[in-house]
Amino acid sequence: MSVSPLSKRHQALLLSALVFPGSGHFLLGRKTRGCLFLVPALVALLLVLRQIMARLDQVMAQIDSGALPLDVQLIMEKVERLSANDGPAMTVAVGVLVACWIGSLIDTWLIKP
């Protein structure tokens, strides 16, 4: 029993699903369309990472100063409290990232070979 190689569309779907939104479009030669998913997803990801790093800096500064003991439970509680104050920008950024990922998969699936 031989296994047939994946079609280009299936490879593109896997690329978009497992690597980054829009990356499968590049495999299919649809660079402009891929950028429509890749660029907003990349901006959203950078905003999310920036927020996470700011939260990490706050926690590390408190640990370094001794204000926050090196206790996993206390650190987790502190991170949860900081996360509660993220505001709508973080929610929108995560929403854009998810929407781009799902939209990229649907669009890749609908592209005519």
PDB file of N, CA and C in Angstrom:
ATOM      1  N   MET A   1       0.837  -1.169   0.000  1.00  0.00           N
ATOM      2  CA  MET A   1       0.000   0.000   0.000  1.00  0.00           C
ATOM      3  C   MET A   1       0.889   1.242   0.000  1.00  0.00           C
ATOM      4  N   SER A   2       0.762   2.050  -1.005  1.00  0.00           N
ATOM      5  CA  SER A   2       1.596   3.248  -1.106  1.00  0.00           C
ATOM      6  C   SER A   2       0.822   4.467  -0.605  1.00  0.00           C
ATOM      7  N   VAL A   3       1.557   5.362  -0.035  1.00  0.00           N
ATOM      8  CA  VAL A   3       0.965   6.594   0.477  1.00  0.00           C
ATOM      9  C   VAL A   3       1.240   7.695  -0.537  1.00  0.00           C
ATOM     10  N   SER A   4       0.185   8.356  -0.975  1.00  0.00           N
ATOM     11  CA  SER A   4       0.375   9.427  -1.943  1.00  0.00           C
ATOM     12  C   SER A   4       0.881  10.682  -1.245  1.00  0.00           C
ATOM     13  N   PRO A   5       1.733  11.433  -1.927  1.00  0.00           N
ATOM     14  CA  PRO A   5       2.232  12.666  -1.312  1.00  0.00           C
ATOM     15  C   PRO A   5       1.090  13.669  -1.147  1.00  0.00           C
ATOM     16  N   LEU A   6       1.259  14.547  -0.189  1.00  0.00           N
ATOM     17  CA  LEU A   6       0.250  15.573   0.055  1.00  0.00           C
ATOM     18  C   LEU A   6       0.149  16.510  -1.136  1.00  0.00           C
ATOM     19  N   SER A   7      -1.070  16.891  -1.448  1.00  0.00           N
ATOM     20  CA  SER A   7      -1.255  17.879  -2.512  1.00  0.00           C
ATOM     21  C   SER A   7      -0.711  19.224  -2.031  1.00  0.00           C
ATOM     22  N   LYS A   8      -0.496  20.109  -2.971  1.00  0.00           N
ATOM     23  CA  LYS A   8       0.044  21.424  -2.632  1.00  0.00           C
ATOM     24  C   LYS A   8      -0.916  22.181  -1.708  1.00  0.00           C
ATOM     25  N   ARG A   9      -2.221  22.019  -1.928  1.00  0.00           N
ATOM     26  CA  ARG A   9      -3.204  22.696  -1.081  1.00  0.00           C
ATOM     27  C   ARG A   9      -3.127  22.164   0.358  1.00  0.00           C
ATOM     28  N   HIS A  10      -2.968  20.850   0.502  1.00  0.00           N
ATOM     29  CA  HIS A  10      -2.852  20.281   1.841  1.00  0.00           C
ATOM     30  C   HIS A  10      -1.558  20.728   2.526  1.00  0.00           C
ATOM     31  N   GLN A  11      -0.491  20.819   1.753  1.00  0.00           N
ATOM     32  CA  GLN A  11       0.758  21.338   2.319  1.00  0.00           C
ATOM     33  C   GLN A  11       0.579  22.780   2.777  1.00  0.00           C
ATOM     34  N   ALA A  12      -0.131  23.566   1.975  1.00  0.00           N
ATOM     35  CA  ALA A  12      -0.380  24.967   2.324  1.00  0.00           C
ATOM     36  C   ALA A  12      -1.234  25.065   3.580  1.00  0.00           C
ATOM     37  N   LEU A  13      -2.232  24.193   3.687  1.00  0.00           N
ATOM     38  CA  LEU A  13      -3.070  24.186   4.893  1.00  0.00           C
ATOM     39  C   LEU A  13      -2.243  23.866   6.128  1.00  0.00           C
ATOM     40  N   LEU A  14      -1.394  22.862   6.022  1.00  0.00           N
ATOM     41  CA  LEU A  14      -0.541  22.512   7.157  1.00  0.00           C
ATOM     42  C   LEU A  14       0.403  23.647   7.507  1.00  0.00           C
ATOM     43  N   LEU A  15       0.943  24.288   6.503  1.00  0.00           N
ATOM     44  CA  LEU A  15       1.853  25.410   6.732  1.00  0.00           C
ATOM     45  C   LEU A  15       1.125  26.550   7.448  1.00  0.00           C
ATOM     46  N   SER A  16      -0.072  26.886   6.970  1.00  0.00           N
ATOM     47  CA  SER A  16      -0.848  27.957   7.601  1.00  0.00           C
ATOM     48  C   SER A  16      -1.293  27.578   9.006  1.00  0.00           C
ATOM     49  N   ALA A  17      -1.602  26.313   9.218  1.00  0.00           N
ATOM     50  CA  ALA A  17      -2.081  25.875  10.524  1.00  0.00           C
ATOM     51  C   ALA A  17      -0.961  25.759  11.547  1.00  0.00           C
ATOM     52  N   LEU A  18       0.181  25.249  11.123  1.00  0.00           N
ATOM     53  CA  LEU A  18       1.235  24.917  12.079  1.00  0.00           C
ATOM     54  C   LEU A  18       2.373  25.928  12.162  1.00  0.00           C
ATOM     55  N   VAL A  19       2.518  26.765  11.144  1.00  0.00           N
ATOM     56  CA  VAL A  19       3.626  27.720  11.158  1.00  0.00           C
ATOM     57  C   VAL A  19       3.124  29.124  11.496  1.00  0.00           C
ATOM     58  N   PHE A  20       2.380  29.728  10.569  1.00  0.00           N
ATOM     59  CA  PHE A  20       1.872  31.080  10.802  1.00  0.00           C
ATOM     60  C   PHE A  20       0.792  31.383   9.776  1.00  0.00           C
ATOM     61  N   PRO A  21      -0.205  32.169  10.142  1.00  0.00           N
ATOM     62  CA  PRO A  21      -1.271  32.495   9.190  1.00  0.00           C
ATOM     63  C   PRO A  21      -0.713  33.153   7.934  1.00  0.00           C
ATOM     64  N   GLY A  22      -1.180  32.700   6.787  1.00  0.00           N
ATOM     65  CA  GLY A  22      -0.751  33.273   5.522  1.00  0.00           C
ATOM     66  C   GLY A  22       0.452  32.597   4.910  1.00  0.00           C
ATOM     67  N   SER A  23       1.180  31.809   5.688  1.00  0.00           N
ATOM     68  CA  SER A  23       2.387  31.176   5.150  1.00  0.00           C
ATOM     69  C   SER A  23       2.059  30.165   4.052  1.00  0.00           C
ATOM     70  N   GLY A  24       0.921  29.510   4.146  1.00  0.00           N
ATOM     71  CA  GLY A  24       0.515  28.568   3.111  1.00  0.00           C
ATOM     72  C   GLY A  24       0.218  29.247   1.793  1.00  0.00           C
ATOM     73  N   HIS A  25      -0.250  30.483   1.848  1.00  0.00           N
ATOM     74  CA  HIS A  25      -0.534  31.234   0.625  1.00  0.00           C
ATOM     75  C   HIS A  25       0.743  31.457  -0.195  1.00  0.00           C
ATOM     76  N   PHE A  26       1.852  31.641   0.501  1.00  0.00           N
ATOM     77  CA  PHE A  26       3.125  31.838  -0.197  1.00  0.00           C
ATOM     78  C   PHE A  26       3.506  30.575  -0.965  1.00  0.00           C
ATOM     79  N   LEU A  27       3.239  29.414  -0.369  1.00  0.00           N
ATOM     80  CA  LEU A  27       3.511  28.153  -1.051  1.00  0.00           C
ATOM     81  C   LEU A  27       2.678  28.027  -2.325  1.00  0.00           C
ATOM     82  N   LEU A  28       1.464  28.559  -2.288  1.00  0.00           N
ATOM     83  CA  LEU A  28       0.570  28.500  -3.444  1.00  0.00           C
ATOM     84  C   LEU A  28       0.803  29.642  -4.434  1.00  0.00           C
ATOM     85  N   GLY A  29       1.763  30.503  -4.134  1.00  0.00           N
ATOM     86  CA  GLY A  29       2.068  31.615  -5.033  1.00  0.00           C
ATOM     87  C   GLY A  29       1.134  32.800  -4.872  1.00  0.00           C
ATOM     88  N   ARG A  30       0.405  32.863  -3.798  1.00  0.00           N
ATOM     89  CA  ARG A  30      -0.536  33.957  -3.525  1.00  0.00           C
ATOM     90  C   ARG A  30       0.051  34.873  -2.458  1.00  0.00           C
ATOM     91  N   LYS A  31       1.118  35.556  -2.809  1.00  0.00           N
ATOM     92  CA  LYS A  31       1.868  36.360  -1.836  1.00  0.00           C
ATOM     93  C   LYS A  31       1.067  37.528  -1.274  1.00  0.00           C
ATOM     94  N   THR A  32       0.344  38.239  -2.145  1.00  0.00           N
ATOM     95  CA  THR A  32      -0.440  39.389  -1.674  1.00  0.00           C
ATOM     96  C   THR A  32      -1.515  38.936  -0.702  1.00  0.00           C
ATOM     97  N   ARG A  33      -2.197  37.873  -1.079  1.00  0.00           N
ATOM     98  CA  ARG A  33      -3.245  37.338  -0.219  1.00  0.00           C
ATOM     99  C   ARG A  33      -2.658  36.834   1.103  1.00  0.00           C
ATOM    100  N   GLY A  34      -1.496  36.212   1.029  1.00  0.00           N
ATOM    101  CA  GLY A  34      -0.832  35.738   2.238  1.00  0.00           C
ATOM    102  C   GLY A  34      -0.474  36.876   3.168  1.00  0.00           C
ATOM    103  N   CYS A  35      -0.044  37.997   2.588  1.00  0.00           N
ATOM    104  CA  CYS A  35       0.311  39.172   3.400  1.00  0.00           C
ATOM    105  C   CYS A  35      -0.907  39.756   4.106  1.00  0.00           C
ATOM    106  N   LEU A  36      -2.085  39.601   3.500  1.00  0.00           N
ATOM    107  CA  LEU A  36      -3.315  40.094   4.141  1.00  0.00           C
ATOM    108  C   LEU A  36      -3.598  39.369   5.451  1.00  0.00           C
ATOM    109  N   PHE A  37      -3.100  38.159   5.585  1.00  0.00           N
ATOM    110  CA  PHE A  37      -3.244  37.417   6.838  1.00  0.00           C
ATOM    111  C   PHE A  37      -1.991  37.537   7.701  1.00  0.00           C
ATOM    112  N   LEU A  38      -0.836  37.496   7.064  1.00  0.00           N
ATOM    113  CA  LEU A  38       0.425  37.475   7.785  1.00  0.00           C
ATOM    114  C   LEU A  38       0.712  38.785   8.521  1.00  0.00           C
ATOM    115  N   VAL A  39       0.520  39.904   7.865  1.00  0.00           N
ATOM    116  CA  VAL A  39       0.900  41.201   8.459  1.00  0.00           C
ATOM    117  C   VAL A  39       0.065  41.525   9.706  1.00  0.00           C
ATOM    118  N   PRO A  40      -1.291  41.475   9.640  1.00  0.00           N
ATOM    119  CA  PRO A  40      -2.036  41.770  10.871  1.00  0.00           C
ATOM    120  C   PRO A  40      -1.767  40.761  11.983  1.00  0.00           C
ATOM    121  N   ALA A  41      -1.570  39.491  11.610  1.00  0.00           N
ATOM    122  CA  ALA A  41      -1.276  38.472  12.624  1.00  0.00           C
ATOM    123  C   ALA A  41       0.074  38.747  13.277  1.00  0.00           C
ATOM    124  N   LEU A  42       1.044  39.173  12.495  1.00  0.00           N
ATOM    125  CA  LEU A  42       2.364  39.483  13.023  1.00  0.00           C
ATOM    126  C   LEU A  42       2.320  40.693  13.957  1.00  0.00           C
ATOM    127  N   VAL A  43       1.583  41.722  13.558  1.00  0.00           N
ATOM    128  CA  VAL A  43       1.431  42.914  14.418  1.00  0.00           C
ATOM    129  C   VAL A  43       0.744  42.523  15.727  1.00  0.00           C
ATOM    130  N   ALA A  44      -0.317  41.720  15.629  1.00  0.00           N
ATOM    131  CA  ALA A  44      -1.035  41.282  16.832  1.00  0.00           C
ATOM    132  C   ALA A  44      -0.130  40.451  17.729  1.00  0.00           C
ATOM    133  N   LEU A  45       0.640  39.549  17.135  1.00  0.00           N
ATOM    134  CA  LEU A  45       1.556  38.721  17.920  1.00  0.00           C
ATOM    135  C   LEU A  45       2.601  39.583  18.623  1.00  0.00           C
ATOM    136  N   LEU A  46       3.118  40.588  17.936  1.00  0.00           N
ATOM    137  CA  LEU A  46       4.106  41.476  18.558  1.00  0.00           C
ATOM    138  C   LEU A  46       3.504  42.241  19.732  1.00  0.00           C
ATOM    139  N   LEU A  47       2.255  42.683  19.587  1.00  0.00           N
ATOM    140  CA  LEU A  47       1.590  43.377  20.694  1.00  0.00           C
ATOM    141  C   LEU A  47       1.381  42.447  21.888  1.00  0.00           C
ATOM    142  N   VAL A  48       0.985  41.217  21.623  1.00  0.00           N
ATOM    143  CA  VAL A  48       0.794  40.242  22.701  1.00  0.00           C
ATOM    144  C   VAL A  48       2.123  39.958  23.395  1.00  0.00           C
ATOM    145  N   LEU A  49       3.163  39.729  22.622  1.00  0.00           N
ATOM    146  CA  LEU A  49       4.484  39.459  23.213  1.00  0.00           C
ATOM    147  C   LEU A  49       5.012  40.652  23.999  1.00  0.00           C
ATOM    148  N   ARG A  50       4.754  41.843  23.499  1.00  0.00           N
ATOM    149  CA  ARG A  50       5.184  43.055  24.210  1.00  0.00           C
ATOM    150  C   ARG A  50       4.498  43.150  25.578  1.00  0.00           C
ATOM    151  N   GLN A  51       3.204  42.846  25.608  1.00  0.00           N
ATOM    152  CA  GLN A  51       2.455  42.878  26.863  1.00  0.00           C
ATOM    153  C   GLN A  51       2.966  41.809  27.831  1.00  0.00           C
ATOM    154  N   ILE A  52       3.241  40.631  27.308  1.00  0.00           N
ATOM    155  CA  ILE A  52       3.756  39.545  28.148  1.00  0.00           C
ATOM    156  C   ILE A  52       5.120  39.916  28.723  1.00  0.00           C
ATOM    157  N   MET A  53       5.971  40.508  27.895  1.00  0.00           N
ATOM    158  CA  MET A  53       7.295  40.897  28.372  1.00  0.00           C
ATOM    159  C   MET A  53       7.212  42.000  29.431  1.00  0.00           C
ATOM    160  N   ALA A  54       6.275  42.925  29.264  1.00  0.00           N
ATOM    161  CA  ALA A  54       6.099  43.983  30.269  1.00  0.00           C
ATOM    162  C   ALA A  54       5.655  43.372  31.599  1.00  0.00           C
ATOM    163  N   ARG A  55       4.761  42.397  31.524  1.00  0.00           N
ATOM    164  CA  ARG A  55       4.295  41.702  32.734  1.00  0.00           C
ATOM    165  C   ARG A  55       5.462  40.958  33.371  1.00  0.00           C
ATOM    166  N   LEU A  56       6.264  40.304  32.561  1.00  0.00           N
ATOM    167  CA  LEU A  56       7.429  39.571  33.059  1.00  0.00           C
ATOM    168  C   LEU A  56       8.424  40.513  33.732  1.00  0.00           C
ATOM    169  N   ASP A  57       8.655  41.676  33.147  1.00  0.00           N
ATOM    170  CA  ASP A  57       9.569  42.660  33.744  1.00  0.00           C
ATOM    171  C   ASP A  57       9.081  43.096  35.119  1.00  0.00           C
ATOM    172  N   GLN A  58       7.777  43.322  35.253  1.00  0.00           N
ATOM    173  CA  GLN A  58       7.229  43.735  36.547  1.00  0.00           C
ATOM    174  C   GLN A  58       7.439  42.663  37.606  1.00  0.00           C
ATOM    175  N   VAL A  59       7.150  41.426  37.255  1.00  0.00           N
ATOM    176  CA  VAL A  59       7.299  40.330  38.213  1.00  0.00           C
ATOM    177  C   VAL A  59       8.769  40.137  38.573  1.00  0.00           C
ATOM    178  N   MET A  60       9.647  40.160  37.564  1.00  0.00           N
ATOM    179  CA  MET A  60      11.074  39.977  37.840  1.00  0.00           C
ATOM    180  C   MET A  60      11.638  41.102  38.706  1.00  0.00           C
ATOM    181  N   ALA A  61      11.177  42.326  38.486  1.00  0.00           N
ATOM    182  CA  ALA A  61      11.650  43.449  39.308  1.00  0.00           C
ATOM    183  C   ALA A  61      11.231  43.259  40.761  1.00  0.00           C
ATOM    184  N   GLN A  62      10.025  42.772  40.972  1.00  0.00           N
ATOM    185  CA  GLN A  62       9.562  42.539  42.342  1.00  0.00           C
ATOM    186  C   GLN A  62      10.308  41.377  42.994  1.00  0.00           C
ATOM    187  N   ILE A  63      10.627  40.361  42.219  1.00  0.00           N
ATOM    188  CA  ILE A  63      11.404  39.243  42.765  1.00  0.00           C
ATOM    189  C   ILE A  63      12.819  39.713  43.105  1.00  0.00           C
ATOM    190  N   ASP A  64      13.428  40.478  42.203  1.00  0.00           N
ATOM    191  CA  ASP A  64      14.790  40.974  42.440  1.00  0.00           C
ATOM    192  C   ASP A  64      14.871  41.887  43.657  1.00  0.00           C
ATOM    193  N   SER A  65      13.837  42.700  43.865  1.00  0.00           N
ATOM    194  CA  SER A  65      13.848  43.626  45.010  1.00  0.00           C
ATOM    195  C   SER A  65      13.487  42.945  46.319  1.00  0.00           C
ATOM    196  N   GLY A  66      12.999  41.724  46.242  1.00  0.00           N
ATOM    197  CA  GLY A  66      12.604  41.014  47.457  1.00  0.00           C
ATOM    198  C   GLY A  66      11.158  41.258  47.847  1.00  0.00           C
ATOM    199  N   ALA A  67      10.440  42.100  47.107  1.00  0.00           N
ATOM    200  CA  ALA A  67       9.040  42.379  47.413  1.00  0.00           C
ATOM    201  C   ALA A  67       8.151  41.167  47.126  1.00  0.00           C
ATOM    202  N   LEU A  68       8.593  40.319  46.222  1.00  0.00           N
ATOM    203  CA  LEU A  68       7.837  39.109  45.877  1.00  0.00           C
ATOM    204  C   LEU A  68       8.743  37.913  46.126  1.00  0.00           C
ATOM    205  N   PRO A  69       8.363  37.067  47.099  1.00  0.00           N
ATOM    206  CA  PRO A  69       9.205  35.901  47.394  1.00  0.00           C
ATOM    207  C   PRO A  69       9.245  34.924  46.218  1.00  0.00           C
ATOM    208  N   LEU A  70      10.274  34.135  46.172  1.00  0.00           N
ATOM    209  CA  LEU A  70      10.447  33.154  45.110  1.00  0.00           C
ATOM    210  C   LEU A  70       9.595  31.921  45.432  1.00  0.00           C
ATOM    211  N   ASP A  71       8.269  32.122  45.337  1.00  0.00           N
ATOM    212  CA  ASP A  71       7.285  31.079  45.615  1.00  0.00           C
ATOM    213  C   ASP A  71       6.372  30.978  44.387  1.00  0.00           C
ATOM    214  N   VAL A  72       6.310  29.791  43.809  1.00  0.00           N
ATOM    215  CA  VAL A  72       5.570  29.603  42.560  1.00  0.00           C
ATOM    216  C   VAL A  72       4.119  30.044  42.706  1.00  0.00           C
ATOM    217  N   GLN A  73       3.474  29.685  43.781  1.00  0.00           N
ATOM    218  CA  GLN A  73       2.063  30.040  43.975  1.00  0.00           C
ATOM    219  C   GLN A  73       1.871  31.567  44.032  1.00  0.00           C
ATOM    220  N   LEU A  74       2.728  32.249  44.770  1.00  0.00           N
ATOM    221  CA  LEU A  74       2.629  33.707  44.869  1.00  0.00           C
ATOM    222  C   LEU A  74       2.918  34.382  43.524  1.00  0.00           C
ATOM    223  N   ILE A  75       3.873  33.850  42.793  1.00  0.00           N
ATOM    224  CA  ILE A  75       4.201  34.407  41.480  1.00  0.00           C
ATOM    225  C   ILE A  75       3.027  34.219  40.529  1.00  0.00           C
ATOM    226  N   MET A  76       2.412  33.039  40.548  1.00  0.00           N
ATOM    227  CA  MET A  76       1.255  32.789  39.684  1.00  0.00           C
ATOM    228  C   MET A  76       0.099  33.722  40.024  1.00  0.00           C
ATOM    229  N   GLU A  77      -0.134  33.957  41.312  1.00  0.00           N
ATOM    230  CA  GLU A  77      -1.195  34.877  41.719  1.00  0.00           C
ATOM    231  C   GLU A  77      -0.903  36.297  41.237  1.00  0.00           C
ATOM    232  N   LYS A  78       0.352  36.704  41.325  1.00  0.00           N
ATOM    233  CA  LYS A  78       0.750  38.035  40.861  1.00  0.00           C
ATOM    234  C   LYS A  78       0.531  38.167  39.350  1.00  0.00           C
ATOM    235  N   VAL A  79       0.914  37.153  38.589  1.00  0.00           N
ATOM    236  CA  VAL A  79       0.730  37.171  37.137  1.00  0.00           C
ATOM    237  C   VAL A  79      -0.756  37.234  36.800  1.00  0.00           C
ATOM    238  N   GLU A  80      -1.577  36.479  37.525  1.00  0.00           N
ATOM    239  CA  GLU A  80      -3.031  36.514  37.290  1.00  0.00           C
ATOM    240  C   GLU A  80      -3.602  37.899  37.565  1.00  0.00           C
ATOM    241  N   ARG A  81      -3.134  38.549  38.630  1.00  0.00           N
ATOM    242  CA  ARG A  81      -3.611  39.907  38.934  1.00  0.00           C
ATOM    243  C   ARG A  81      -3.185  40.885  37.848  1.00  0.00           C
ATOM    244  N   LEU A  82      -1.963  40.759  37.382  1.00  0.00           N
ATOM    245  CA  LEU A  82      -1.491  41.629  36.299  1.00  0.00           C
ATOM    246  C   LEU A  82      -2.263  41.362  35.009  1.00  0.00           C
ATOM    247  N   SER A  83      -2.583  40.105  34.747  1.00  0.00           N
ATOM    248  CA  SER A  83      -3.325  39.744  33.536  1.00  0.00           C
ATOM    249  C   SER A  83      -4.738  40.307  33.553  1.00  0.00           C
ATOM    250  N   ALA A  84      -5.312  40.442  34.730  1.00  0.00           N
ATOM    251  CA  ALA A  84      -6.671  40.971  34.851  1.00  0.00           C
ATOM    252  C   ALA A  84      -6.733  42.436  34.421  1.00  0.00           C
ATOM    253  N   ASN A  85      -5.588  43.116  34.433  1.00  0.00           N
ATOM    254  CA  ASN A  85      -5.527  44.533  34.080  1.00  0.00           C
ATOM    255  C   ASN A  85      -5.030  44.769  32.658  1.00  0.00           C
ATOM    256  N   ASP A  86      -5.055  43.756  31.818  1.00  0.00           N
ATOM    257  CA  ASP A  86      -4.527  43.896  30.454  1.00  0.00           C
ATOM    258  C   ASP A  86      -5.312  44.890  29.619  1.00  0.00           C
ATOM    259  N   GLY A  87      -6.610  44.964  29.807  1.00  0.00           N
ATOM    260  CA  GLY A  87      -7.419  45.904  29.049  1.00  0.00           C
ATOM    261  C   GLY A  87      -7.817  45.369  27.696  1.00  0.00           C
ATOM    262  N   PRO A  88      -8.539  46.187  26.952  1.00  0.00           N
ATOM    263  CA  PRO A  88      -9.093  45.723  25.679  1.00  0.00           C
ATOM    264  C   PRO A  88      -8.057  45.525  24.574  1.00  0.00           C
ATOM    265  N   ALA A  89      -6.921  46.188  24.650  1.00  0.00           N
ATOM    266  CA  ALA A  89      -5.917  46.057  23.589  1.00  0.00           C
ATOM    267  C   ALA A  89      -5.420  44.617  23.468  1.00  0.00           C
ATOM    268  N   MET A  90      -5.213  43.980  24.588  1.00  0.00           N
ATOM    269  CA  MET A  90      -4.748  42.589  24.575  1.00  0.00           C
ATOM    270  C   MET A  90      -5.836  41.673  24.017  1.00  0.00           C
ATOM    271  N   THR A  91      -7.074  41.920  24.400  1.00  0.00           N
ATOM    272  CA  THR A  91      -8.195  41.119  23.906  1.00  0.00           C
ATOM    273  C   THR A  91      -8.326  41.269  22.394  1.00  0.00           C
ATOM    274  N   VAL A  92      -8.215  42.481  21.903  1.00  0.00           N
ATOM    275  CA  VAL A  92      -8.317  42.730  20.465  1.00  0.00           C
ATOM    276  C   VAL A  92      -7.143  42.069  19.730  1.00  0.00           C
ATOM    277  N   ALA A  93      -5.948  42.194  20.273  1.00  0.00           N
ATOM    278  CA  ALA A  93      -4.770  41.611  19.627  1.00  0.00           C
ATOM    279  C   ALA A  93      -4.897  40.090  19.529  1.00  0.00           C
ATOM    280  N   VAL A  94      -5.325  39.451  20.599  1.00  0.00           N
ATOM    281  CA  VAL A  94      -5.505  38.000  20.575  1.00  0.00           C
ATOM    282  C   VAL A  94      -6.622  37.635  19.603  1.00  0.00           C
ATOM    283  N   GLY A  95      -7.705  38.416  19.579  1.00  0.00           N
ATOM    284  CA  GLY A  95      -8.800  38.174  18.644  1.00  0.00           C
ATOM    285  C   GLY A  95      -8.356  38.288  17.196  1.00  0.00           C
ATOM    286  N   VAL A  96      -7.547  39.294  16.888  1.00  0.00           N
ATOM    287  CA  VAL A  96      -7.033  39.469  15.527  1.00  0.00           C
ATOM    288  C   VAL A  96      -6.148  38.286  15.149  1.00  0.00           C
ATOM    289  N   LEU A  97      -5.301  37.855  16.060  1.00  0.00           N
ATOM    290  CA  LEU A  97      -4.418  36.727  15.789  1.00  0.00           C
ATOM    291  C   LEU A  97      -5.222  35.460  15.490  1.00  0.00           C
ATOM    292  N   VAL A  98      -6.213  35.184  16.307  1.00  0.00           N
ATOM    293  CA  VAL A  98      -7.052  33.993  16.103  1.00  0.00           C
ATOM    294  C   VAL A  98      -7.846  34.112  14.805  1.00  0.00           C
ATOM    295  N   ALA A  99      -8.419  35.291  14.551  1.00  0.00           N
ATOM    296  CA  ALA A  99      -9.205  35.497  13.326  1.00  0.00           C
ATOM    297  C   ALA A  99      -8.340  35.323  12.081  1.00  0.00           C
ATOM    298  N   CYS A 100      -7.118  35.832  12.119  1.00  0.00           N
ATOM    299  CA  CYS A 100      -6.208  35.666  10.976  1.00  0.00           C
ATOM    300  C   CYS A 100      -5.868  34.197  10.768  1.00  0.00           C
ATOM    301  N   TRP A 101      -5.651  33.483  11.856  1.00  0.00           N
ATOM    302  CA  TRP A 101      -5.288  32.076  11.736  1.00  0.00           C
ATOM    303  C   TRP A 101      -6.444  31.282  11.121  1.00  0.00           C
ATOM    304  N   ILE A 102      -7.636  31.474  11.651  1.00  0.00           N
ATOM    305  CA  ILE A 102      -8.809  30.756  11.131  1.00  0.00           C
ATOM    306  C   ILE A 102      -9.118  31.203   9.707  1.00  0.00           C
ATOM    307  N   GLY A 103      -9.091  32.510   9.459  1.00  0.00           N
ATOM    308  CA  GLY A 103      -9.360  33.031   8.126  1.00  0.00           C
ATOM    309  C   GLY A 103      -8.366  32.522   7.101  1.00  0.00           C
ATOM    310  N   SER A 104      -7.104  32.419   7.490  1.00  0.00           N
ATOM    311  CA  SER A 104      -6.078  31.918   6.593  1.00  0.00           C
ATOM    312  C   SER A 104      -6.348  30.464   6.211  1.00  0.00           C
ATOM    313  N   LEU A 105      -6.754  29.666   7.184  1.00  0.00           N
ATOM    314  CA  LEU A 105      -7.058  28.261   6.899  1.00  0.00           C
ATOM    315  C   LEU A 105      -8.253  28.130   5.966  1.00  0.00           C
ATOM    316  N   ILE A 106      -9.293  28.887   6.247  1.00  0.00           N
ATOM    317  CA  ILE A 106     -10.493  28.824   5.401  1.00  0.00           C
ATOM    318  C   ILE A 106     -10.160  29.298   3.991  1.00  0.00           C
ATOM    319  N   ASP A 107      -9.439  30.406   3.875  1.00  0.00           N
ATOM    320  CA  ASP A 107      -9.103  30.936   2.563  1.00  0.00           C
ATOM    321  C   ASP A 107      -8.205  29.971   1.792  1.00  0.00           C
ATOM    322  N   THR A 108      -7.248  29.353   2.479  1.00  0.00           N
ATOM    323  CA  THR A 108      -6.368  28.378   1.824  1.00  0.00           C
ATOM    324  C   THR A 108      -7.196  27.211   1.300  1.00  0.00           C
ATOM    325  N   TRP A 109      -8.150  26.764   2.089  1.00  0.00           N
ATOM    326  CA  TRP A 109      -8.994  25.652   1.682  1.00  0.00           C
ATOM    327  C   TRP A 109      -9.840  25.999   0.457  1.00  0.00           C
ATOM    328  N   LEU A 110     -10.281  27.262   0.382  1.00  0.00           N
ATOM    329  CA  LEU A 110     -11.169  27.669  -0.698  1.00  0.00           C
ATOM    330  C   LEU A 110     -10.452  28.067  -1.990  1.00  0.00           C
ATOM    331  N   ILE A 111      -9.133  28.242  -1.929  1.00  0.00           N
ATOM    332  CA  ILE A 111      -8.384  28.599  -3.135  1.00  0.00           C
ATOM    333  C   ILE A 111      -8.479  27.463  -4.137  1.00  0.00           C
ATOM    334  N   LYS A 112      -8.825  27.804  -5.339  1.00  0.00           N
ATOM    335  CA  LYS A 112      -8.924  26.799  -6.413  1.00  0.00           C
ATOM    336  C   LYS A 112      -7.522  26.435  -6.881  1.00  0.00           C
ATOM    337  N   PRO A 113      -7.213  25.143  -6.941  1.00  0.00           N
ATOM    338  CA  PRO A 113      -5.871  24.726  -7.365  1.00  0.00           C
ATOM    339  C   PRO A 113      -5.610  25.040  -8.820  1.00  0.00           C
TER     340      PRO A 113
END
